[in-house]
């Protein structure tokens, strides 16, 4: 069964939608099987090896690599992963693209590094400052995070979140402290998390002996400018139409990002044909 054929088995349920709207994130256990985890970890290890060989990079530096599409075929396979992508279009709808990709490899921190979470933020930087309305701002994008390392306990560079904070403004928190209600997500390698870009989140200091590997894919409406390089014309002849849409294939005209035609957004037809016209919305 192809990835596209498997989407119908993983559509967003009413319960998942309610939890996502309440908490701002949704855990997806077992999104990747063991073979795929091993493949991605192997590719990540090679990128990390090259990074460690660069001048000035030490054992404690974090690899933060963007623009993953085109670096290895496995990164393209994760764009429309059956266990996660239907959750994304269930939340955002069909007029979407993958606008950001990121690999993070976090080695064990130096012994003197303080424990706990650091770097609390919302995604998309200026988007949070340029809206003319008070919070909560529009959602606009969501991110899928793929856990490639077992994180059975806090303090392992875990993703830290404040459930429900996507509906509130900036937490009142002093530097070096965590907002009230903050939690560290534990996971097994192969699990995934889908989270709202407005959710306040951070990473915890890696106090373990494990090198944490985490890959993220950001999805937004097609009228949002990409954060990563997503124009990969050299791939378009070898991939299916929906993946071409997700990787930023040029529309039928300049207005195709704002008034898309069927050829611009084949995902719309897939949703209509497999889930019914009511699932397409506008």
C-alpha atoms as a PDB file:
ATOM      1  CA  UNK A   1       0.000   0.000   0.000  1.00  0.00           C
ATOM      2  CA  UNK A   2       1.398   3.418  -0.966  1.00  0.00           C
ATOM      3  CA  UNK A   3       1.533   6.349   1.424  1.00  0.00           C
ATOM      4  CA  UNK A   4      -1.355   8.018  -0.401  1.00  0.00           C
ATOM      5  CA  UNK A   5      -3.514   4.883  -0.216  1.00  0.00           C
ATOM      6  CA  UNK A   6      -2.880   4.604   3.534  1.00  0.00           C
ATOM      7  CA  UNK A   7      -3.988   8.137   4.424  1.00  0.00           C
ATOM      8  CA  UNK A   8      -7.667   7.190   4.722  1.00  0.00           C
ATOM      9  CA  UNK A   9      -6.809   4.887   7.636  1.00  0.00           C
ATOM     10  CA  UNK A  10      -5.291   7.746   9.642  1.00  0.00           C
ATOM     11  CA  UNK A  11      -7.682  10.655   9.228  1.00  0.00           C
ATOM     12  CA  UNK A  12      -8.117  13.001  12.165  1.00  0.00           C
ATOM     13  CA  UNK A  13     -10.836  11.712  14.503  1.00  0.00           C
ATOM     14  CA  UNK A  14     -13.273  13.896  16.407  1.00  0.00           C
ATOM     15  CA  UNK A  15     -11.527  13.000  19.665  1.00  0.00           C
ATOM     16  CA  UNK A  16      -8.108  13.898  18.240  1.00  0.00           C
ATOM     17  CA  UNK A  17      -9.434  17.198  16.953  1.00  0.00           C
ATOM     18  CA  UNK A  18     -10.905  18.037  20.354  1.00  0.00           C
ATOM     19  CA  UNK A  19      -7.630  17.218  22.134  1.00  0.00           C
ATOM     20  CA  UNK A  20      -5.610  19.203  19.624  1.00  0.00           C
ATOM     21  CA  UNK A  21      -7.858  22.242  19.949  1.00  0.00           C
ATOM     22  CA  UNK A  22      -7.719  22.013  23.748  1.00  0.00           C
ATOM     23  CA  UNK A  23      -4.018  21.262  24.273  1.00  0.00           C
ATOM     24  CA  UNK A  24      -2.381  22.605  21.116  1.00  0.00           C
ATOM     25  CA  UNK A  25      -0.624  19.309  20.398  1.00  0.00           C
ATOM     26  CA  UNK A  26      -1.374  15.674  19.657  1.00  0.00           C
ATOM     27  CA  UNK A  27       0.874  12.662  20.234  1.00  0.00           C
ATOM     28  CA  UNK A  28       0.923   9.949  17.523  1.00  0.00           C
ATOM     29  CA  UNK A  29       2.450   6.702  18.867  1.00  0.00           C
ATOM     30  CA  UNK A  30       4.320   4.495  16.404  1.00  0.00           C
ATOM     31  CA  UNK A  31       4.221   6.867  13.445  1.00  0.00           C
ATOM     32  CA  UNK A  32       7.457   5.347  12.095  1.00  0.00           C
ATOM     33  CA  UNK A  33       8.348   1.652  12.101  1.00  0.00           C
ATOM     34  CA  UNK A  34      11.702   0.387  13.296  1.00  0.00           C
ATOM     35  CA  UNK A  35      13.226   0.125   9.826  1.00  0.00           C
ATOM     36  CA  UNK A  36      12.360   3.715   8.967  1.00  0.00           C
ATOM     37  CA  UNK A  37      13.643   4.933  12.337  1.00  0.00           C
ATOM     38  CA  UNK A  38      16.944   3.170  11.717  1.00  0.00           C
ATOM     39  CA  UNK A  39      17.217   4.650   8.231  1.00  0.00           C
ATOM     40  CA  UNK A  40      16.574   8.220   9.376  1.00  0.00           C
ATOM     41  CA  UNK A  41      18.921   7.835  12.354  1.00  0.00           C
ATOM     42  CA  UNK A  42      21.651   6.589  10.005  1.00  0.00           C
ATOM     43  CA  UNK A  43      21.231   9.579   7.687  1.00  0.00           C
ATOM     44  CA  UNK A  44      21.157  11.939  10.682  1.00  0.00           C
ATOM     45  CA  UNK A  45      24.354  10.381  12.048  1.00  0.00           C
ATOM     46  CA  UNK A  46      26.157  11.093   8.781  1.00  0.00           C
ATOM     47  CA  UNK A  47      25.077  14.734   8.818  1.00  0.00           C
ATOM     48  CA  UNK A  48      26.112  14.965  12.466  1.00  0.00           C
ATOM     49  CA  UNK A  49      29.516  13.454  11.682  1.00  0.00           C
ATOM     50  CA  UNK A  50      30.137  16.097   9.019  1.00  0.00           C
ATOM     51  CA  UNK A  51      28.999  18.829  11.403  1.00  0.00           C
ATOM     52  CA  UNK A  52      31.372  17.654  14.148  1.00  0.00           C
ATOM     53  CA  UNK A  53      34.256  17.791  11.674  1.00  0.00           C
ATOM     54  CA  UNK A  54      33.711  21.494  10.957  1.00  0.00           C
ATOM     55  CA  UNK A  55      36.182  23.977  12.472  1.00  0.00           C
ATOM     56  CA  UNK A  56      35.086  25.286  15.854  1.00  0.00           C
ATOM     57  CA  UNK A  57      32.405  22.640  16.456  1.00  0.00           C
ATOM     58  CA  UNK A  58      32.823  20.836  19.751  1.00  0.00           C
ATOM     59  CA  UNK A  59      31.200  17.798  21.348  1.00  0.00           C
ATOM     60  CA  UNK A  60      28.438  19.834  23.014  1.00  0.00           C
ATOM     61  CA  UNK A  61      27.267  21.827  19.995  1.00  0.00           C
ATOM     62  CA  UNK A  62      23.738  21.094  18.727  1.00  0.00           C
ATOM     63  CA  UNK A  63      23.265  20.302  15.038  1.00  0.00           C
ATOM     64  CA  UNK A  64      20.375  22.412  13.744  1.00  0.00           C
ATOM     65  CA  UNK A  65      20.105  21.600  10.036  1.00  0.00           C
ATOM     66  CA  UNK A  66      17.390  23.082   7.819  1.00  0.00           C
ATOM     67  CA  UNK A  67      16.441  22.438   4.183  1.00  0.00           C
ATOM     68  CA  UNK A  68      16.270  18.651   4.420  1.00  0.00           C
ATOM     69  CA  UNK A  69      14.418  17.919   1.179  1.00  0.00           C
ATOM     70  CA  UNK A  70      16.897  16.827  -1.457  1.00  0.00           C
ATOM     71  CA  UNK A  71      19.635  15.907   1.005  1.00  0.00           C
ATOM     72  CA  UNK A  72      18.435  12.275   1.083  1.00  0.00           C
ATOM     73  CA  UNK A  73      15.421  10.460  -0.327  1.00  0.00           C
ATOM     74  CA  UNK A  74      14.216   9.486   3.150  1.00  0.00           C
ATOM     75  CA  UNK A  75      13.485  13.114   3.989  1.00  0.00           C
ATOM     76  CA  UNK A  76      11.106  13.290   1.035  1.00  0.00           C
ATOM     77  CA  UNK A  77       9.323  10.149   2.218  1.00  0.00           C
ATOM     78  CA  UNK A  78       8.534  11.796   5.558  1.00  0.00           C
ATOM     79  CA  UNK A  79       6.693  14.749   3.997  1.00  0.00           C
ATOM     80  CA  UNK A  80       3.409  12.851   3.598  1.00  0.00           C
ATOM     81  CA  UNK A  81       3.844  10.127   6.197  1.00  0.00           C
ATOM     82  CA  UNK A  82       0.582   8.116   6.486  1.00  0.00           C
ATOM     83  CA  UNK A  83       0.373   8.306  10.284  1.00  0.00           C
ATOM     84  CA  UNK A  84       0.883  12.076  10.505  1.00  0.00           C
ATOM     85  CA  UNK A  85       0.010  13.872   7.268  1.00  0.00           C
ATOM     86  CA  UNK A  86      -3.752  13.134   7.452  1.00  0.00           C
ATOM     87  CA  UNK A  87      -3.739  14.818  10.868  1.00  0.00           C
ATOM     88  CA  UNK A  88      -2.159  17.875   9.260  1.00  0.00           C
ATOM     89  CA  UNK A  89      -4.702  18.275   6.452  1.00  0.00           C
ATOM     90  CA  UNK A  90      -7.448  17.395   8.926  1.00  0.00           C
ATOM     91  CA  UNK A  91      -6.417  20.508  10.880  1.00  0.00           C
ATOM     92  CA  UNK A  92      -5.358  22.931   8.129  1.00  0.00           C
ATOM     93  CA  UNK A  93      -7.328  21.717   5.104  1.00  0.00           C
ATOM     94  CA  UNK A  94      -6.133  21.131   1.537  1.00  0.00           C
ATOM     95  CA  UNK A  95      -4.516  24.457   0.518  1.00  0.00           C
ATOM     96  CA  UNK A  96      -1.219  23.615   2.209  1.00  0.00           C
ATOM     97  CA  UNK A  97       2.480  23.150   1.622  1.00  0.00           C
ATOM     98  CA  UNK A  98       5.464  21.896   3.563  1.00  0.00           C
ATOM     99  CA  UNK A  99       7.271  25.167   4.235  1.00  0.00           C
ATOM    100  CA  UNK A 100       9.972  24.161   6.714  1.00  0.00           C
ATOM    101  CA  UNK A 101      12.141  21.131   7.518  1.00  0.00           C
ATOM    102  CA  UNK A 102      14.656  20.715  10.310  1.00  0.00           C
ATOM    103  CA  UNK A 103      16.973  18.091  11.806  1.00  0.00           C
ATOM    104  CA  UNK A 104      18.141  18.589  15.390  1.00  0.00           C
ATOM    105  CA  UNK A 105      20.798  16.381  16.976  1.00  0.00           C
ATOM    106  CA  UNK A 106      21.393  17.210  20.633  1.00  0.00           C
ATOM    107  CA  UNK A 107      24.387  15.569  22.314  1.00  0.00           C
ATOM    108  CA  UNK A 108      24.675  15.233  26.092  1.00  0.00           C
ATOM    109  CA  UNK A 109      25.159  18.661  27.661  1.00  0.00           C
ATOM    110  CA  UNK A 110      28.303  19.637  29.596  1.00  0.00           C
ATOM    111  CA  UNK A 111      28.167  18.741  33.288  1.00  0.00           C
ATOM    112  CA  UNK A 112      27.798  22.371  34.359  1.00  0.00           C
ATOM    113  CA  UNK A 113      24.741  23.022  32.159  1.00  0.00           C
ATOM    114  CA  UNK A 114      21.670  23.878  34.255  1.00  0.00           C
ATOM    115  CA  UNK A 115      18.795  21.378  34.075  1.00  0.00           C
ATOM    116  CA  UNK A 116      15.334  22.200  32.866  1.00  0.00           C
ATOM    117  CA  UNK A 117      13.849  23.836  29.788  1.00  0.00           C
ATOM    118  CA  UNK A 118      15.363  26.708  27.847  1.00  0.00           C
ATOM    119  CA  UNK A 119      14.407  28.860  24.868  1.00  0.00           C
ATOM    120  CA  UNK A 120      10.648  29.163  25.312  1.00  0.00           C
ATOM    121  CA  UNK A 121       9.059  30.471  22.108  1.00  0.00           C
ATOM    122  CA  UNK A 122       6.293  30.308  19.535  1.00  0.00           C
ATOM    123  CA  UNK A 123       7.204  29.377  15.966  1.00  0.00           C
ATOM    124  CA  UNK A 124       7.523  31.684  12.971  1.00  0.00           C
ATOM    125  CA  UNK A 125       9.161  34.677  14.614  1.00  0.00           C
ATOM    126  CA  UNK A 126       7.767  37.832  12.961  1.00  0.00           C
ATOM    127  CA  UNK A 127       4.406  36.204  12.379  1.00  0.00           C
ATOM    128  CA  UNK A 128       3.746  36.599  16.085  1.00  0.00           C
ATOM    129  CA  UNK A 129       4.684  40.296  16.009  1.00  0.00           C
ATOM    130  CA  UNK A 130       3.161  41.448  12.735  1.00  0.00           C
ATOM    131  CA  UNK A 131      -0.447  40.431  13.353  1.00  0.00           C
ATOM    132  CA  UNK A 132      -2.521  43.486  14.147  1.00  0.00           C
ATOM    133  CA  UNK A 133      -4.868  41.641  16.486  1.00  0.00           C
ATOM    134  CA  UNK A 134      -4.244  40.613  20.087  1.00  0.00           C
ATOM    135  CA  UNK A 135      -3.651  36.928  20.923  1.00  0.00           C
ATOM    136  CA  UNK A 136      -4.742  34.350  20.176  1.00  0.00           C
ATOM    137  CA  UNK A 137      -3.517  34.935  16.638  1.00  0.00           C
ATOM    138  CA  UNK A 138      -4.572  32.755  13.692  1.00  0.00           C
ATOM    139  CA  UNK A 139      -3.028  29.281  13.599  1.00  0.00           C
ATOM    140  CA  UNK A 140      -1.591  29.533  10.034  1.00  0.00           C
ATOM    141  CA  UNK A 141       0.778  26.556  10.437  1.00  0.00           C
ATOM    142  CA  UNK A 142       1.371  23.356  12.349  1.00  0.00           C
ATOM    143  CA  UNK A 143       4.494  21.291  12.830  1.00  0.00           C
ATOM    144  CA  UNK A 144       5.089  17.544  12.924  1.00  0.00           C
ATOM    145  CA  UNK A 145       7.933  16.403  15.167  1.00  0.00           C
ATOM    146  CA  UNK A 146       9.354  12.894  14.733  1.00  0.00           C
ATOM    147  CA  UNK A 147      11.121  11.336  17.714  1.00  0.00           C
ATOM    148  CA  UNK A 148      14.057   9.226  16.509  1.00  0.00           C
ATOM    149  CA  UNK A 149      15.408   8.485  20.006  1.00  0.00           C
ATOM    150  CA  UNK A 150      13.785   6.839  23.017  1.00  0.00           C
ATOM    151  CA  UNK A 151      13.020   9.575  25.557  1.00  0.00           C
ATOM    152  CA  UNK A 152      11.528   7.657  28.488  1.00  0.00           C
ATOM    153  CA  UNK A 153      12.062  10.370  31.097  1.00  0.00           C
ATOM    154  CA  UNK A 154      12.521  14.155  31.360  1.00  0.00           C
ATOM    155  CA  UNK A 155      15.925  15.757  31.016  1.00  0.00           C
ATOM    156  CA  UNK A 156      16.854  14.157  27.683  1.00  0.00           C
ATOM    157  CA  UNK A 157      16.464  17.216  25.416  1.00  0.00           C
ATOM    158  CA  UNK A 158      12.730  16.526  25.437  1.00  0.00           C
ATOM    159  CA  UNK A 159      10.254  18.772  23.709  1.00  0.00           C
ATOM    160  CA  UNK A 160       8.710  20.884  26.480  1.00  0.00           C
ATOM    161  CA  UNK A 161       5.243  22.385  26.004  1.00  0.00           C
ATOM    162  CA  UNK A 162       2.642  24.362  27.897  1.00  0.00           C
ATOM    163  CA  UNK A 163      -0.696  22.665  27.108  1.00  0.00           C
ATOM    164  CA  UNK A 164      -3.322  25.173  26.055  1.00  0.00           C
ATOM    165  CA  UNK A 165      -0.852  28.040  25.643  1.00  0.00           C
ATOM    166  CA  UNK A 166      -1.691  28.379  21.936  1.00  0.00           C
ATOM    167  CA  UNK A 167      -4.842  30.174  23.033  1.00  0.00           C
ATOM    168  CA  UNK A 168      -3.081  32.628  25.352  1.00  0.00           C
ATOM    169  CA  UNK A 169      -0.482  35.344  25.053  1.00  0.00           C
ATOM    170  CA  UNK A 170       3.145  35.286  26.119  1.00  0.00           C
ATOM    171  CA  UNK A 171       3.573  33.468  29.452  1.00  0.00           C
ATOM    172  CA  UNK A 172       4.672  35.604  32.370  1.00  0.00           C
ATOM    173  CA  UNK A 173       7.912  33.812  33.125  1.00  0.00           C
ATOM    174  CA  UNK A 174      11.316  34.969  34.303  1.00  0.00           C
ATOM    175  CA  UNK A 175      14.457  34.072  32.321  1.00  0.00           C
ATOM    176  CA  UNK A 176      15.646  30.581  33.232  1.00  0.00           C
ATOM    177  CA  UNK A 177      12.234  29.509  34.528  1.00  0.00           C
ATOM    178  CA  UNK A 178       9.447  27.497  32.922  1.00  0.00           C
ATOM    179  CA  UNK A 179       5.872  28.773  32.564  1.00  0.00           C
ATOM    180  CA  UNK A 180       3.230  27.349  34.908  1.00  0.00           C
ATOM    181  CA  UNK A 181       1.845  24.059  33.628  1.00  0.00           C
ATOM    182  CA  UNK A 182       4.876  23.246  31.467  1.00  0.00           C
ATOM    183  CA  UNK A 183       5.570  19.554  30.833  1.00  0.00           C
ATOM    184  CA  UNK A 184       8.295  17.535  29.109  1.00  0.00           C
ATOM    185  CA  UNK A 185       7.018  15.077  26.519  1.00  0.00           C
ATOM    186  CA  UNK A 186       8.311  11.536  26.796  1.00  0.00           C
ATOM    187  CA  UNK A 187       8.246   9.285  23.756  1.00  0.00           C
ATOM    188  CA  UNK A 188       9.581   6.171  22.096  1.00  0.00           C
ATOM    189  CA  UNK A 189      11.629   6.259  18.922  1.00  0.00           C
ATOM    190  CA  UNK A 190       9.109   6.319  16.075  1.00  0.00           C
ATOM    191  CA  UNK A 191       6.482   8.358  17.908  1.00  0.00           C
ATOM    192  CA  UNK A 192       5.397  11.729  16.539  1.00  0.00           C
ATOM    193  CA  UNK A 193       3.827  14.916  17.813  1.00  0.00           C
ATOM    194  CA  UNK A 194       1.674  17.352  15.847  1.00  0.00           C
ATOM    195  CA  UNK A 195       1.602  20.812  17.381  1.00  0.00           C
ATOM    196  CA  UNK A 196       0.152  24.244  16.739  1.00  0.00           C
ATOM    197  CA  UNK A 197       2.769  26.875  15.887  1.00  0.00           C
ATOM    198  CA  UNK A 198       1.301  29.146  18.573  1.00  0.00           C
ATOM    199  CA  UNK A 199       2.006  26.601  21.303  1.00  0.00           C
ATOM    200  CA  UNK A 200       4.709  27.817  23.673  1.00  0.00           C
ATOM    201  CA  UNK A 201       7.482  25.238  23.602  1.00  0.00           C
ATOM    202  CA  UNK A 202      11.159  24.702  24.354  1.00  0.00           C
ATOM    203  CA  UNK A 203      13.762  21.960  24.748  1.00  0.00           C
ATOM    204  CA  UNK A 204      15.152  20.563  27.967  1.00  0.00           C
ATOM    205  CA  UNK A 205      18.848  20.313  28.741  1.00  0.00           C
ATOM    206  CA  UNK A 206      20.132  16.886  27.753  1.00  0.00           C
ATOM    207  CA  UNK A 207      21.323  15.524  31.099  1.00  0.00           C
ATOM    208  CA  UNK A 208      21.414  11.968  29.771  1.00  0.00           C
ATOM    209  CA  UNK A 209      24.151  10.030  27.978  1.00  0.00           C
ATOM    210  CA  UNK A 210      21.970   9.673  24.850  1.00  0.00           C
ATOM    211  CA  UNK A 211      22.325  11.741  21.676  1.00  0.00           C
ATOM    212  CA  UNK A 212      18.794  12.928  20.936  1.00  0.00           C
ATOM    213  CA  UNK A 213      17.666  13.011  17.273  1.00  0.00           C
ATOM    214  CA  UNK A 214      14.531  14.912  16.291  1.00  0.00           C
ATOM    215  CA  UNK A 215      13.158  15.856  12.856  1.00  0.00           C
ATOM    216  CA  UNK A 216      10.432  18.420  12.252  1.00  0.00           C
ATOM    217  CA  UNK A 217       8.252  19.258   9.252  1.00  0.00           C
ATOM    218  CA  UNK A 218       6.299  22.506   9.183  1.00  0.00           C
ATOM    219  CA  UNK A 219       3.076  22.838   7.155  1.00  0.00           C
ATOM    220  CA  UNK A 220       1.362  26.102   6.311  1.00  0.00           C
ATOM    221  CA  UNK A 221      -1.083  27.582   3.845  1.00  0.00           C
ATOM    222  CA  UNK A 222       0.321  27.894   0.348  1.00  0.00           C
ATOM    223  CA  UNK A 223       0.284  31.691   0.506  1.00  0.00           C
ATOM    224  CA  UNK A 224       2.918  31.665   3.268  1.00  0.00           C
ATOM    225  CA  UNK A 225       6.510  32.117   2.102  1.00  0.00           C
ATOM    226  CA  UNK A 226       8.662  29.027   2.834  1.00  0.00           C
ATOM    227  CA  UNK A 227      11.170  29.109   5.683  1.00  0.00           C
ATOM    228  CA  UNK A 228      13.222  26.363   4.034  1.00  0.00           C
ATOM    229  CA  UNK A 229      14.151  25.756   0.402  1.00  0.00           C
ATOM    230  CA  UNK A 230      11.142  23.890  -0.954  1.00  0.00           C
ATOM    231  CA  UNK A 231      11.388  24.554  -4.707  1.00  0.00           C
ATOM    232  CA  UNK A 232      12.826  21.266  -5.944  1.00  0.00           C
ATOM    233  CA  UNK A 233      12.024  21.169  -9.650  1.00  0.00           C
ATOM    234  CA  UNK A 234      14.535  18.348 -10.136  1.00  0.00           C
ATOM    235  CA  UNK A 235      12.275  16.095  -8.040  1.00  0.00           C
ATOM    236  CA  UNK A 236       8.942  16.985  -9.604  1.00  0.00           C
ATOM    237  CA  UNK A 237       9.200  14.497 -12.486  1.00  0.00           C
ATOM    238  CA  UNK A 238       9.721  11.610 -10.076  1.00  0.00           C
ATOM    239  CA  UNK A 239       7.069  12.251  -7.393  1.00  0.00           C
ATOM    240  CA  UNK A 240       3.279  12.158  -7.310  1.00  0.00           C
ATOM    241  CA  UNK A 241       1.165  15.319  -7.796  1.00  0.00           C
ATOM    242  CA  UNK A 242       0.242  15.753  -4.130  1.00  0.00           C
ATOM    243  CA  UNK A 243       3.856  15.602  -3.029  1.00  0.00           C
ATOM    244  CA  UNK A 244       4.651  18.153  -5.750  1.00  0.00           C
ATOM    245  CA  UNK A 245       2.022  20.413  -4.206  1.00  0.00           C
ATOM    246  CA  UNK A 246       3.597  19.995  -0.784  1.00  0.00           C
ATOM    247  CA  UNK A 247       7.065  20.786  -2.116  1.00  0.00           C
ATOM    248  CA  UNK A 248       5.960  24.044  -3.679  1.00  0.00           C
ATOM    249  CA  UNK A 249       5.306  23.265  -7.341  1.00  0.00           C
ATOM    250  CA  UNK A 250       4.508  26.477  -9.196  1.00  0.00           C
ATOM    251  CA  UNK A 251       0.781  27.184  -9.569  1.00  0.00           C
ATOM    252  CA  UNK A 252      -1.101  27.666 -12.833  1.00  0.00           C
ATOM    253  CA  UNK A 253      -0.683  31.413 -12.421  1.00  0.00           C
ATOM    254  CA  UNK A 254       0.633  33.985  -9.974  1.00  0.00           C
ATOM    255  CA  UNK A 255      -2.759  34.063  -8.274  1.00  0.00           C
ATOM    256  CA  UNK A 256      -2.744  30.277  -7.855  1.00  0.00           C
ATOM    257  CA  UNK A 257      -1.558  30.543  -4.268  1.00  0.00           C
ATOM    258  CA  UNK A 258      -4.615  32.637  -3.369  1.00  0.00           C
ATOM    259  CA  UNK A 259      -7.239  31.304  -5.790  1.00  0.00           C
ATOM    260  CA  UNK A 260      -6.017  27.767  -6.530  1.00  0.00           C
ATOM    261  CA  UNK A 261      -7.328  25.695  -9.408  1.00  0.00           C
ATOM    262  CA  UNK A 262      -7.598  21.906  -9.365  1.00  0.00           C
ATOM    263  CA  UNK A 263      -4.165  21.418 -10.929  1.00  0.00           C
ATOM    264  CA  UNK A 264      -2.593  23.530  -8.180  1.00  0.00           C
ATOM    265  CA  UNK A 265      -4.030  21.521  -5.299  1.00  0.00           C
ATOM    266  CA  UNK A 266      -4.505  17.808  -6.118  1.00  0.00           C
ATOM    267  CA  UNK A 267      -4.859  17.185  -2.382  1.00  0.00           C
ATOM    268  CA  UNK A 268      -8.331  18.737  -2.583  1.00  0.00           C
ATOM    269  CA  UNK A 269      -9.468  16.102  -5.092  1.00  0.00           C
ATOM    270  CA  UNK A 270      -8.021  13.282  -2.983  1.00  0.00           C
ATOM    271  CA  UNK A 271      -9.931  14.468   0.090  1.00  0.00           C
ATOM    272  CA  UNK A 272     -13.164  14.845  -1.894  1.00  0.00           C
ATOM    273  CA  UNK A 273     -12.818  11.416  -3.537  1.00  0.00           C
ATOM    274  CA  UNK A 274     -11.814   9.493  -0.399  1.00  0.00           C
ATOM    275  CA  UNK A 275     -13.487  11.378   2.457  1.00  0.00           C
ATOM    276  CA  UNK A 276     -16.469  12.974   0.771  1.00  0.00           C
ATOM    277  CA  UNK A 277     -17.385  16.462  -0.374  1.00  0.00           C
ATOM    278  CA  UNK A 278     -18.236  17.569   3.168  1.00  0.00           C
ATOM    279  CA  UNK A 279     -14.573  17.072   4.171  1.00  0.00           C
ATOM    280  CA  UNK A 280     -13.371  19.575   1.570  1.00  0.00           C
ATOM    281  CA  UNK A 281     -15.109  22.570   3.176  1.00  0.00           C
ATOM    282  CA  UNK A 282     -14.557  25.716   1.052  1.00  0.00           C
END
